[in-house]
Protein backbone atom coordinates (compact mmCIF):
# COMPACT_ATOMS: atom_id res chain seq x y z
CA MET A 1 3.73 10.22 -31.36
CA ALA A 2 5.77 8.69 -28.54
CA ILE A 3 8.49 10.84 -26.99
CA ALA A 4 11.62 9.22 -25.59
CA ARG A 5 11.97 10.03 -21.89
CA ARG A 6 15.54 11.17 -22.43
CA ASN A 7 14.08 13.97 -24.58
CA LEU A 8 11.15 14.83 -22.32
CA VAL A 9 13.21 14.90 -19.12
CA ASP A 10 16.05 17.41 -19.41
CA ASN A 11 19.16 15.94 -17.79
CA GLU A 12 20.84 19.33 -17.58
CA THR A 13 18.02 21.62 -16.46
CA PRO A 14 15.92 21.41 -13.26
CA GLY A 15 12.18 21.18 -13.74
CA PHE A 16 8.79 20.00 -12.49
CA TYR A 17 7.24 16.69 -13.57
CA HIS A 18 4.02 14.77 -13.01
CA CYS A 19 4.64 11.02 -12.79
CA THR A 20 2.11 8.19 -12.63
CA ASN A 21 2.33 4.41 -12.45
CA ARG A 22 -0.37 1.77 -12.54
CA CYS A 23 -0.62 -1.80 -11.22
CA VAL A 24 -1.38 -4.89 -13.31
CA ARG A 25 -2.92 -8.37 -12.68
CA ARG A 26 -5.91 -7.33 -10.54
CA ALA A 27 -7.70 -4.04 -10.09
CA PHE A 28 -6.83 -3.50 -6.43
CA LEU A 29 -3.28 -4.60 -5.77
CA CYS A 30 -2.81 -1.72 -3.34
CA GLY A 31 -6.34 -1.63 -1.94
CA PHE A 32 -9.09 -4.08 -1.03
CA ASP A 33 -9.09 -7.39 -2.90
CA LYS A 34 -12.72 -8.45 -3.31
CA ASP A 35 -11.70 -11.95 -4.42
CA THR A 36 -9.90 -12.82 -1.18
CA GLY A 37 -11.40 -10.28 1.20
CA ARG A 38 -7.91 -9.04 2.11
CA SER A 39 -6.96 -5.42 2.48
CA PHE A 40 -3.65 -4.28 1.05
CA ASP A 41 -3.97 -0.69 2.22
CA TYR A 42 -0.76 -1.09 4.22
CA ARG A 43 1.05 -1.18 0.88
CA LYS A 44 -0.14 2.38 0.26
CA ALA A 45 1.33 3.49 3.58
CA TRP A 46 4.59 1.73 2.78
CA LEU A 47 4.76 3.35 -0.67
CA GLU A 48 4.09 6.77 0.85
CA LYS A 49 6.83 6.28 3.44
CA GLN A 50 9.29 5.06 0.81
CA MET A 51 8.49 7.96 -1.52
CA LEU A 52 9.11 10.60 1.14
CA ALA A 53 12.30 8.88 2.34
CA LEU A 54 13.82 8.65 -1.14
CA CYS A 55 13.49 12.41 -1.56
CA GLU A 56 16.10 12.84 1.15
CA ILE A 57 18.50 10.72 -0.91
CA PHE A 58 17.87 11.69 -4.54
CA SER A 59 17.91 15.27 -5.85
CA VAL A 60 14.11 15.35 -5.85
CA GLU A 61 11.47 17.42 -4.08
CA ILE A 62 7.84 16.27 -3.83
CA TYR A 63 5.06 18.85 -3.98
CA ALA A 64 1.98 16.64 -4.31
CA TYR A 65 1.07 12.96 -4.38
CA ALA A 66 -1.92 10.62 -4.21
CA ILE A 67 -1.71 6.85 -3.77
CA MET A 68 -4.84 5.14 -5.05
CA ASP A 69 -5.90 1.48 -5.05
CA ASN A 70 -4.30 0.62 -8.37
CA HIS A 71 -2.10 3.59 -9.28
CA TYR A 72 -0.34 6.62 -7.87
CA HIS A 73 0.52 10.20 -8.85
CA ILE A 74 3.51 12.36 -7.90
CA VAL A 75 4.24 16.01 -8.68
CA LEU A 76 7.95 16.51 -8.15
CA TYR A 77 10.84 18.85 -8.84
CA LEU A 78 13.97 17.23 -10.26
CA ASP A 79 17.39 18.90 -10.16
CA PRO A 80 19.84 16.73 -12.15
CA ILE A 81 22.68 19.18 -11.47
CA GLU A 82 22.42 19.16 -7.66
CA PRO A 83 24.48 15.93 -7.18
CA GLU A 84 27.45 17.71 -8.80
CA ARG A 85 27.53 19.97 -5.73
CA TRP A 86 27.71 17.04 -3.32
CA THR A 87 31.03 15.86 -1.92
CA ASP A 88 32.37 12.45 -2.89
CA GLU A 89 31.62 11.17 0.60
CA GLU A 90 28.04 12.44 0.42
CA VAL A 91 27.48 10.74 -2.93
CA ALA A 92 28.82 7.45 -1.56
CA GLU A 93 26.70 7.71 1.58
CA ARG A 94 23.54 8.51 -0.35
CA TRP A 95 24.07 5.64 -2.75
CA LEU A 96 24.46 3.16 0.09
CA GLN A 97 21.11 4.41 1.40
CA VAL A 98 19.51 3.78 -1.99
CA TYR A 99 20.21 0.06 -1.57
CA PRO A 100 19.99 -0.81 2.15
CA SER A 101 21.73 -4.04 3.11
CA ARG A 102 22.95 -6.07 6.06
CA LEU A 103 25.90 -3.71 6.24
CA ASP A 104 23.56 -1.12 7.74
CA ARG A 105 23.35 -3.15 10.95
CA PRO A 106 25.36 -1.72 13.88
CA GLU A 107 27.60 -4.77 14.04
CA ASN A 108 28.63 -4.23 10.39
CA THR A 109 29.57 -0.55 10.63
CA HIS A 110 33.23 -1.24 9.82
CA LEU A 111 32.37 -3.21 6.67
CA ARG A 112 29.99 -0.48 5.55
CA GLU A 113 32.72 2.14 5.89
CA ILE A 114 35.01 -0.01 3.78
CA LYS A 115 32.35 -0.27 1.06
CA LYS A 116 31.80 3.49 1.17
CA GLN A 117 35.54 4.12 0.85
CA ILE A 118 35.69 1.85 -2.21
CA ILE A 119 33.11 4.10 -3.88
CA ILE A 120 34.96 7.27 -2.87
CA ASP A 121 38.21 5.92 -4.31
CA SER A 122 36.60 5.10 -7.67
CA PRO A 123 36.05 8.11 -10.00
CA GLU A 124 34.03 5.88 -12.33
CA LYS A 125 31.62 4.78 -9.58
CA LEU A 126 31.26 8.35 -8.31
CA ARG A 127 30.46 9.63 -11.78
CA LYS A 128 27.89 6.89 -12.33
CA TYR A 129 26.20 7.32 -8.94
CA ARG A 130 26.06 11.12 -9.22
CA LYS A 131 24.17 10.74 -12.48
CA ARG A 132 21.79 8.17 -11.00
CA LEU A 133 21.05 10.29 -7.92
CA GLY A 134 19.90 13.05 -10.27
CA SER A 135 17.88 10.74 -12.50
CA LEU A 136 14.08 10.63 -12.54
CA SER A 137 14.12 7.09 -13.91
CA TRP A 138 16.33 5.85 -11.07
CA PHE A 139 14.17 7.57 -8.46
CA MET A 140 11.04 5.89 -9.84
CA ARG A 141 12.86 2.58 -10.17
CA ARG A 142 13.84 2.54 -6.50
CA LEU A 143 10.32 3.57 -5.51
CA ASN A 144 8.68 0.80 -7.52
CA GLU A 145 11.01 -2.19 -7.22
CA PRO A 146 10.77 -2.99 -3.48
CA LEU A 147 6.95 -2.91 -3.41
CA ALA A 148 6.80 -5.09 -6.52
CA LYS A 149 9.03 -7.73 -4.92
CA LEU A 150 7.14 -7.62 -1.61
CA SER A 151 3.75 -7.92 -3.32
CA ASN A 152 4.86 -10.79 -5.54
CA GLN A 153 6.06 -12.67 -2.46
CA GLU A 154 2.76 -12.07 -0.67
CA ASP A 155 0.73 -13.08 -3.74
CA TYR A 156 2.90 -16.16 -4.43
CA CYS A 157 3.45 -15.16 -8.03
CA THR A 158 6.04 -13.73 -10.38
CA GLY A 159 5.96 -11.22 -13.19
CA ARG A 160 5.17 -7.54 -13.47
CA PHE A 161 3.57 -5.67 -10.60
CA TRP A 162 3.61 -2.30 -12.38
CA GLU A 163 2.18 -1.65 -15.83
CA GLY A 164 5.27 -1.17 -18.00
CA ARG A 165 7.27 2.02 -17.51
CA PHE A 166 5.95 4.95 -15.55
CA HIS A 167 4.33 7.87 -17.38
CA SER A 168 5.95 11.29 -17.03
CA GLN A 169 4.67 14.73 -17.95
CA ALA A 170 6.69 17.95 -18.04
CA LEU A 171 5.11 20.91 -16.19
CA LEU A 172 6.44 24.00 -17.92
CA ASP A 173 5.32 26.85 -15.63
CA GLU A 174 4.00 27.51 -12.13
CA ALA A 175 0.34 27.60 -13.18
CA ALA A 176 0.78 24.14 -14.70
CA VAL A 177 2.43 22.89 -11.51
CA LEU A 178 -0.32 24.20 -9.22
CA SER A 179 -3.10 22.96 -11.51
CA CYS A 180 -1.51 19.51 -11.62
CA MET A 181 -1.05 19.53 -7.83
CA ALA A 182 -4.76 20.26 -7.40
CA TYR A 183 -5.65 17.50 -9.87
CA VAL A 184 -3.50 15.01 -7.95
CA ASP A 185 -4.78 16.05 -4.51
CA LEU A 186 -8.39 15.72 -5.72
CA ASN A 187 -8.00 12.13 -6.93
CA PRO A 188 -9.89 10.50 -4.02
CA ILE A 189 -12.69 13.07 -4.36
CA ARG A 190 -13.05 12.50 -8.11
CA ALA A 191 -13.01 8.73 -7.56
CA ARG A 192 -15.81 9.15 -4.96
CA ILE A 193 -13.72 7.36 -2.34
CA THR A 194 -14.44 10.19 0.09
CA ASP A 195 -16.05 13.60 0.04
CA LYS A 196 -13.66 15.12 2.58
CA LEU A 197 -10.06 16.12 1.90
CA GLU A 198 -9.08 15.41 5.49
CA GLU A 199 -10.13 11.78 4.92
CA SER A 200 -8.11 11.42 1.70
CA HIS A 201 -5.50 9.06 3.11
CA GLN A 202 -2.06 8.79 1.47
CA THR A 203 -2.37 12.18 -0.22
CA SER A 204 -0.30 15.33 0.13
CA ILE A 205 -3.37 17.50 0.78
CA LYS A 206 -4.24 15.43 3.86
CA GLN A 207 -0.69 15.77 5.13
CA ARG A 208 -0.80 19.54 4.56
CA LEU A 209 -4.16 19.83 6.34
CA ASP A 210 -2.92 17.67 9.24
CA GLY A 211 0.12 19.92 9.50
CA ILE A 212 -2.06 23.03 9.66
CA GLN A 213 -4.19 21.57 12.44
CA SER A 214 -1.19 20.43 14.47
CA HIS A 215 0.65 23.77 14.30
CA ILE A 216 -0.12 26.29 16.99
CA ASP A 217 1.40 29.04 14.84
CA GLN A 218 -1.30 29.64 12.23
CA SER A 219 0.83 32.33 10.59
CA LYS A 220 2.44 29.53 8.56
CA LEU A 221 -0.74 29.53 6.49
CA GLU A 222 0.40 32.82 5.02
CA PHE A 223 3.79 31.45 3.94
CA ALA A 224 4.38 30.45 0.32
CA ILE A 225 3.69 26.78 -0.35
CA GLU A 226 6.75 24.56 0.05
CA THR A 227 7.88 21.06 -0.82
CA MET A 228 6.42 18.09 1.06
CA ALA A 229 9.75 16.27 1.18
CA GLY A 230 13.26 16.90 -0.07
CA HIS A 231 14.78 20.36 0.42
CA LEU A 232 17.41 21.01 -2.23
CA ARG A 233 17.17 24.79 -2.22
CA GLU A 234 15.07 27.58 -0.70
CA ARG A 235 12.33 27.16 -3.30
CA LYS A 236 8.73 28.26 -2.85
CA LEU A 237 5.74 28.74 -5.12
CA SER A 238 4.02 32.12 -5.32
CA ILE A 239 0.74 30.90 -3.79
CA THR A 240 0.38 30.70 0.00
CA LEU A 241 -0.54 27.55 1.87
CA ARG A 242 -3.88 29.09 2.87
CA GLU A 243 -4.68 30.03 -0.73
CA TYR A 244 -3.80 26.57 -2.02
CA THR A 245 -5.77 24.64 0.59
CA GLU A 246 -8.80 26.90 0.11
CA LEU A 247 -8.52 26.48 -3.67
CA VAL A 248 -8.42 22.68 -3.42
CA GLU A 249 -11.20 22.59 -0.82
CA TRP A 250 -13.44 24.70 -3.08
CA ALA A 251 -12.62 22.52 -6.11
CA GLY A 252 -13.40 19.37 -4.12
CA LYS A 253 -16.79 20.68 -3.00
CA SER A 254 -17.55 21.80 -6.56
CA ILE A 255 -16.89 18.29 -7.87
CA ILE A 256 -19.22 16.79 -5.27
CA TYR A 257 -21.87 19.52 -5.59
CA PRO A 258 -21.56 20.84 -9.18
CA ASP A 259 -24.68 23.01 -8.82
CA LYS A 260 -22.81 25.06 -6.22
CA ALA A 261 -19.61 25.49 -8.24
CA SER A 262 -19.58 29.29 -8.46
CA ILE A 263 -16.15 30.74 -7.68
CA PRO A 264 -15.97 32.40 -4.23
CA ALA A 265 -14.77 36.00 -4.13
CA HIS A 266 -11.56 35.09 -2.28
CA ILE A 267 -10.63 32.33 -4.79
CA ALA A 268 -11.04 34.37 -7.99
CA PRO A 269 -7.97 36.62 -7.40
CA VAL A 270 -5.77 33.54 -6.91
CA LEU A 271 -6.71 32.13 -10.31
CA GLU A 272 -6.34 35.56 -11.89
CA ARG A 273 -2.86 36.01 -10.44
CA LEU A 274 -1.84 32.64 -11.88
CA ASN A 275 -3.19 33.61 -15.32
CA LEU A 276 -5.79 30.81 -15.15
CA GLN A 277 -9.25 31.08 -16.68
CA GLN A 278 -11.82 31.19 -13.91
CA SER A 279 -14.62 29.86 -16.11
CA HIS A 280 -12.68 26.80 -17.35
CA TRP A 281 -10.14 25.94 -14.65
CA LEU A 282 -12.32 23.52 -12.66
CA LYS A 283 -13.47 21.66 -15.78
CA GLN A 284 -9.88 21.39 -16.98
CA ILE A 285 -8.82 19.96 -13.62
CA GLU A 286 -11.61 17.36 -13.68
CA ASN A 287 -10.59 16.27 -17.20
CA TYR A 288 -6.86 16.85 -16.77
CA GLY A 289 -5.83 13.34 -17.74
CA LYS A 290 -7.71 13.54 -21.04
CA GLN A 291 -6.73 17.10 -21.93
CA PHE A 292 -2.96 17.01 -21.49
CA CYS A 293 -0.44 14.40 -22.57
CA ARG A 294 3.35 14.76 -22.20
CA VAL A 295 3.59 18.50 -21.45
CA VAL A 296 1.47 21.13 -19.67
CA GLY A 297 2.02 24.86 -20.02
CA THR A 298 1.17 27.98 -21.96
CA ILE A 299 1.02 27.83 -25.74
CA ASP A 300 4.40 29.56 -25.97
CA ASN A 301 6.02 27.14 -23.52
CA ILE A 302 4.58 24.09 -25.28
CA ARG A 303 5.77 25.32 -28.66
CA GLU A 304 9.22 26.08 -27.26
CA LYS A 305 9.38 22.56 -25.82
CA ALA A 306 8.39 21.15 -29.21
CA ARG A 307 11.16 23.16 -30.88
CA ARG A 308 13.74 21.81 -28.43
CA LEU A 309 12.51 18.27 -29.15
CA LYS A 310 12.59 19.03 -32.90
CA LEU A 311 8.90 18.18 -33.20
CA ARG A 312 6.34 20.04 -35.27
CA TYR A 313 3.60 19.57 -32.68
CA LEU A 314 2.96 18.60 -29.06
CA ARG A 315 -0.52 17.76 -27.84
CA GLY A 316 -1.92 20.28 -25.36
CA ILE A 317 -2.30 23.52 -27.35
CA SER A 318 -6.11 23.39 -27.38
CA ALA A 319 -6.25 22.62 -23.66
CA ALA A 320 -3.81 25.46 -22.92
CA LYS A 321 -6.15 27.91 -24.66
CA LEU A 322 -8.86 26.98 -22.16
CA LEU A 323 -6.64 26.70 -19.08
CA TYR A 324 -4.82 30.04 -19.35
CA SER A 325 -6.41 33.49 -19.43
CA THR A 326 -3.89 35.06 -21.79
CA THR A 327 -1.57 33.22 -24.15
CA SER A 328 0.59 34.41 -27.00
CA GLU A 329 0.21 32.62 -30.31
CA ALA A 330 2.69 34.64 -32.29
């Protein structure tokens, strides 16, 4: 049963979401086109740059992402209430950044200030833009639209670049968030594009690993894992950066060499602390897309979400029984 996004995405409560979008027309609109011999990998880099930049404008934090040849994944935190804390001037400034124009040129500074003041003086515009800056749909819209227009111009064609609307999935607890992050970061490994995380270009795990190697202060490995982009609040997950990278590295090697998939002694306590089943976690991550649909979480959290949506059932109960070590079914 389809769920309206306005019901799945709570416009009054912050939360984590997993979003995906897929290209149409040909199989490799963002990768290598075998028909023409052209590489469109630069589109991946542009999409990555745009994604990270938009987080500094919208009330969004990104925790994981992977940009593949014909689709992409994002794990993000959305706070629809945060824009209410912004000043009128900040809202106006952010909205002008959402839609860059010729007014951003140095010679047009005066005209840009006039446009910003028009927004500030309009309660209706401010109310509308505050809502949009805290909207998941508007964030995804501004991420997708520019690349679609650019690609259509390069391909000398019109029509859809992206396959309908993006798919969103509510992540109801921290274990769901971290499991989804691992699934997203392992996309290039599962697709057999590479067998090394450090060669997984346009992924958050590569950026995290590059950051570790470039930092002289290795003590940052012991800090709780933080957002990749966008810093709305001092928010951290309970797992450290070292624990997460080691977990993903082990999972990646286990996918490549399944006969050596036994859980190392230092990884087992991490899964246990997150209430994740050691014997099933890796298999669930490999088959994540098939196991979970619109929500991921414990049985109790899924059932509570269904109650709020006034639904009798949400797909994911059976998968939750395998993913989590202990779940209440009362």
